[in-house]
Amino acid sequence: MKKSELRDLYHMMFPDYPDIVTVAQLQKMLGISRHLAYNLINDGHLAGMKIGNSFKIPKVSVIRYVMEQEAQDHAG
């Protein structure tokens, strides 16, 4: 994905969320369970870092994940 495409998607997708999201926000963004959210982070599908007792996920990582899933759905 080109930087210009990512920049455009960044402004269109999830505009009401901050640049860094929590696991709870990730759940709402993707409509997934807490368990699946942690699995996506721990398995490396989403970039996230643990700060203190909680994970922080860059919104750009969520957008990349969504776009990759969409591409896979269309390819297969």
N, C-alpha and C. Protein backbone atom coordinates (compact mmCIF):
# COMPACT_ATOMS: atom_id res chain seq x y z
N MET A 1 0.84 -1.17 0.00
CA MET A 1 0.00 0.00 0.00
C MET A 1 0.89 1.24 0.00
N LYS A 2 0.58 2.17 -0.89
CA LYS A 2 1.36 3.40 -0.99
C LYS A 2 1.05 4.32 0.19
N LYS A 3 2.03 5.18 0.50
CA LYS A 3 1.84 6.11 1.60
C LYS A 3 0.66 7.04 1.36
N SER A 4 0.48 7.46 0.12
CA SER A 4 -0.63 8.37 -0.19
C SER A 4 -1.98 7.67 0.02
N GLU A 5 -2.04 6.38 -0.36
CA GLU A 5 -3.28 5.62 -0.14
C GLU A 5 -3.55 5.48 1.36
N LEU A 6 -2.52 5.17 2.11
CA LEU A 6 -2.66 5.00 3.55
C LEU A 6 -3.09 6.31 4.20
N ARG A 7 -2.52 7.41 3.75
CA ARG A 7 -2.89 8.72 4.29
C ARG A 7 -4.36 9.02 4.03
N ASP A 8 -4.84 8.72 2.82
CA ASP A 8 -6.25 8.94 2.49
C ASP A 8 -7.16 8.05 3.34
N LEU A 9 -6.79 6.79 3.49
CA LEU A 9 -7.58 5.87 4.30
C LEU A 9 -7.60 6.30 5.76
N TYR A 10 -6.48 6.84 6.22
CA TYR A 10 -6.36 7.27 7.61
C TYR A 10 -7.41 8.33 7.95
N HIS A 11 -7.67 9.20 6.98
CA HIS A 11 -8.65 10.26 7.21
C HIS A 11 -10.08 9.77 7.03
N MET A 12 -10.27 8.70 6.26
CA MET A 12 -11.62 8.19 6.00
C MET A 12 -12.07 7.14 7.00
N MET A 13 -11.16 6.28 7.42
CA MET A 13 -11.53 5.16 8.28
C MET A 13 -11.35 5.52 9.76
N PHE A 14 -12.33 5.22 10.55
CA PHE A 14 -12.26 5.42 12.00
C PHE A 14 -11.89 6.85 12.39
N PRO A 15 -12.54 7.86 11.81
CA PRO A 15 -12.16 9.25 12.10
C PRO A 15 -12.41 9.68 13.54
N ASP A 16 -13.29 8.98 14.25
CA ASP A 16 -13.62 9.35 15.63
C ASP A 16 -12.69 8.74 16.66
N TYR A 17 -11.69 8.01 16.20
CA TYR A 17 -10.76 7.35 17.12
C TYR A 17 -9.41 8.07 17.12
N PRO A 18 -8.71 8.03 18.27
CA PRO A 18 -7.39 8.69 18.34
C PRO A 18 -6.33 7.92 17.56
N ASP A 19 -5.15 8.50 17.44
CA ASP A 19 -4.05 7.87 16.71
C ASP A 19 -3.58 6.57 17.35
N ILE A 20 -3.69 6.50 18.66
CA ILE A 20 -3.33 5.29 19.42
C ILE A 20 -4.58 4.83 20.14
N VAL A 21 -4.97 3.56 19.92
CA VAL A 21 -6.20 3.06 20.53
C VAL A 21 -5.93 1.98 21.56
N THR A 22 -6.90 1.77 22.42
CA THR A 22 -6.84 0.72 23.43
C THR A 22 -7.48 -0.55 22.89
N VAL A 23 -7.36 -1.62 23.63
CA VAL A 23 -7.98 -2.88 23.22
C VAL A 23 -9.50 -2.72 23.17
N ALA A 24 -10.07 -2.00 24.11
CA ALA A 24 -11.53 -1.77 24.11
C ALA A 24 -11.96 -1.01 22.85
N GLN A 25 -11.18 0.00 22.47
CA GLN A 25 -11.50 0.74 21.25
C GLN A 25 -11.33 -0.14 20.02
N LEU A 26 -10.28 -0.96 20.01
CA LEU A 26 -10.05 -1.90 18.91
C LEU A 26 -11.25 -2.83 18.74
N GLN A 27 -11.77 -3.32 19.85
CA GLN A 27 -12.95 -4.19 19.81
C GLN A 27 -14.11 -3.49 19.11
N LYS A 28 -14.35 -2.25 19.46
CA LYS A 28 -15.45 -1.50 18.85
C LYS A 28 -15.19 -1.21 17.38
N MET A 29 -13.95 -0.89 17.05
CA MET A 29 -13.60 -0.58 15.67
C MET A 29 -13.86 -1.76 14.74
N LEU A 30 -13.48 -2.95 15.21
CA LEU A 30 -13.58 -4.15 14.38
C LEU A 30 -14.79 -5.02 14.69
N GLY A 31 -15.50 -4.70 15.75
CA GLY A 31 -16.65 -5.51 16.13
C GLY A 31 -16.26 -6.92 16.53
N ILE A 32 -15.20 -7.01 17.34
CA ILE A 32 -14.67 -8.32 17.73
C ILE A 32 -14.66 -8.45 19.25
N SER A 33 -14.44 -9.68 19.70
CA SER A 33 -14.37 -9.95 21.14
C SER A 33 -13.03 -9.52 21.70
N ARG A 34 -12.99 -9.39 23.00
CA ARG A 34 -11.74 -9.05 23.69
C ARG A 34 -10.69 -10.13 23.45
N HIS A 35 -11.12 -11.37 23.50
CA HIS A 35 -10.22 -12.51 23.29
C HIS A 35 -9.58 -12.44 21.89
N LEU A 36 -10.39 -12.19 20.87
CA LEU A 36 -9.86 -12.11 19.50
C LEU A 36 -8.93 -10.90 19.36
N ALA A 37 -9.27 -9.79 19.99
CA ALA A 37 -8.41 -8.60 19.94
C ALA A 37 -7.02 -8.92 20.48
N TYR A 38 -6.96 -9.57 21.63
CA TYR A 38 -5.66 -9.95 22.20
C TYR A 38 -4.94 -10.96 21.32
N ASN A 39 -5.67 -11.90 20.73
CA ASN A 39 -5.04 -12.87 19.84
C ASN A 39 -4.41 -12.18 18.63
N LEU A 40 -5.10 -11.21 18.04
CA LEU A 40 -4.56 -10.50 16.88
C LEU A 40 -3.26 -9.77 17.24
N ILE A 41 -3.21 -9.21 18.43
CA ILE A 41 -2.00 -8.51 18.87
C ILE A 41 -0.89 -9.51 19.17
N ASN A 42 -1.20 -10.53 19.96
CA ASN A 42 -0.19 -11.50 20.38
C ASN A 42 0.35 -12.33 19.23
N ASP A 43 -0.48 -12.57 18.20
CA ASP A 43 -0.04 -13.35 17.04
C ASP A 43 0.67 -12.49 15.99
N GLY A 44 0.75 -11.18 16.23
CA GLY A 44 1.47 -10.30 15.32
C GLY A 44 0.67 -9.78 14.14
N HIS A 45 -0.63 -10.02 14.12
CA HIS A 45 -1.47 -9.52 13.02
C HIS A 45 -1.69 -8.02 13.15
N LEU A 46 -1.65 -7.52 14.36
CA LEU A 46 -1.76 -6.09 14.64
C LEU A 46 -0.58 -5.67 15.49
N ALA A 47 0.05 -4.56 15.11
CA ALA A 47 1.15 -4.04 15.92
C ALA A 47 0.57 -3.39 17.17
N GLY A 48 1.10 -3.76 18.29
CA GLY A 48 0.68 -3.17 19.54
C GLY A 48 1.81 -3.28 20.54
N MET A 49 1.85 -2.35 21.47
CA MET A 49 2.89 -2.43 22.49
C MET A 49 2.26 -2.32 23.85
N LYS A 50 2.84 -3.03 24.76
CA LYS A 50 2.33 -3.02 26.12
C LYS A 50 2.98 -1.87 26.88
N ILE A 51 2.15 -1.02 27.42
CA ILE A 51 2.61 0.09 28.24
C ILE A 51 1.92 -0.06 29.58
N GLY A 52 2.70 -0.33 30.59
CA GLY A 52 2.12 -0.61 31.90
C GLY A 52 1.35 -1.92 31.83
N ASN A 53 0.09 -1.87 32.18
CA ASN A 53 -0.74 -3.07 32.16
C ASN A 53 -1.64 -3.17 30.94
N SER A 54 -1.50 -2.26 29.99
CA SER A 54 -2.42 -2.27 28.85
C SER A 54 -1.68 -2.17 27.52
N PHE A 55 -2.33 -2.67 26.48
CA PHE A 55 -1.79 -2.57 25.14
C PHE A 55 -2.25 -1.29 24.49
N LYS A 56 -1.38 -0.70 23.69
CA LYS A 56 -1.70 0.46 22.86
C LYS A 56 -1.45 0.06 21.42
N ILE A 57 -2.41 0.35 20.54
CA ILE A 57 -2.35 -0.07 19.15
C ILE A 57 -2.43 1.16 18.26
N PRO A 58 -1.45 1.36 17.36
CA PRO A 58 -1.55 2.49 16.44
C PRO A 58 -2.74 2.30 15.49
N LYS A 59 -3.51 3.35 15.30
CA LYS A 59 -4.68 3.26 14.41
C LYS A 59 -4.27 2.84 13.00
N VAL A 60 -3.11 3.27 12.56
CA VAL A 60 -2.63 2.90 11.23
C VAL A 60 -2.47 1.38 11.11
N SER A 61 -2.11 0.72 12.20
CA SER A 61 -1.99 -0.73 12.20
C SER A 61 -3.36 -1.40 12.00
N VAL A 62 -4.38 -0.82 12.60
CA VAL A 62 -5.75 -1.34 12.44
C VAL A 62 -6.19 -1.18 11.00
N ILE A 63 -5.91 -0.03 10.40
CA ILE A 63 -6.30 0.22 9.01
C ILE A 63 -5.59 -0.75 8.08
N ARG A 64 -4.29 -0.95 8.30
CA ARG A 64 -3.54 -1.92 7.47
C ARG A 64 -4.15 -3.32 7.59
N TYR A 65 -4.48 -3.71 8.80
CA TYR A 65 -5.07 -5.03 9.03
C TYR A 65 -6.39 -5.17 8.27
N VAL A 66 -7.24 -4.18 8.36
CA VAL A 66 -8.54 -4.22 7.68
C VAL A 66 -8.34 -4.33 6.17
N MET A 67 -7.43 -3.55 5.63
CA MET A 67 -7.19 -3.57 4.19
C MET A 67 -6.60 -4.90 3.74
N GLU A 68 -5.71 -5.48 4.53
CA GLU A 68 -5.14 -6.79 4.20
C GLU A 68 -6.22 -7.86 4.21
N GLN A 69 -7.12 -7.80 5.19
CA GLN A 69 -8.20 -8.78 5.27
C GLN A 69 -9.12 -8.64 4.07
N GLU A 70 -9.40 -7.42 3.67
CA GLU A 70 -10.27 -7.19 2.51
C GLU A 70 -9.62 -7.73 1.25
N ALA A 71 -8.31 -7.51 1.11
CA ALA A 71 -7.59 -8.01 -0.07
C ALA A 71 -7.60 -9.54 -0.10
N GLN A 72 -7.44 -10.17 1.07
CA GLN A 72 -7.46 -11.63 1.14
C GLN A 72 -8.84 -12.17 0.80
N ASP A 73 -9.88 -11.47 1.26
CA ASP A 73 -11.26 -11.91 0.98
C ASP A 73 -11.54 -11.86 -0.52
N HIS A 74 -11.00 -10.86 -1.20
CA HIS A 74 -11.24 -10.72 -2.63
C HIS A 74 -10.36 -11.67 -3.45
N ALA A 75 -9.21 -12.05 -2.89
CA ALA A 75 -8.28 -12.94 -3.62
C ALA A 75 -8.70 -14.39 -3.53
N GLY A 76 -9.37 -14.75 -2.46
CA GLY A 76 -9.66 -16.15 -2.25
C GLY A 76 -11.08 -16.40 -2.23
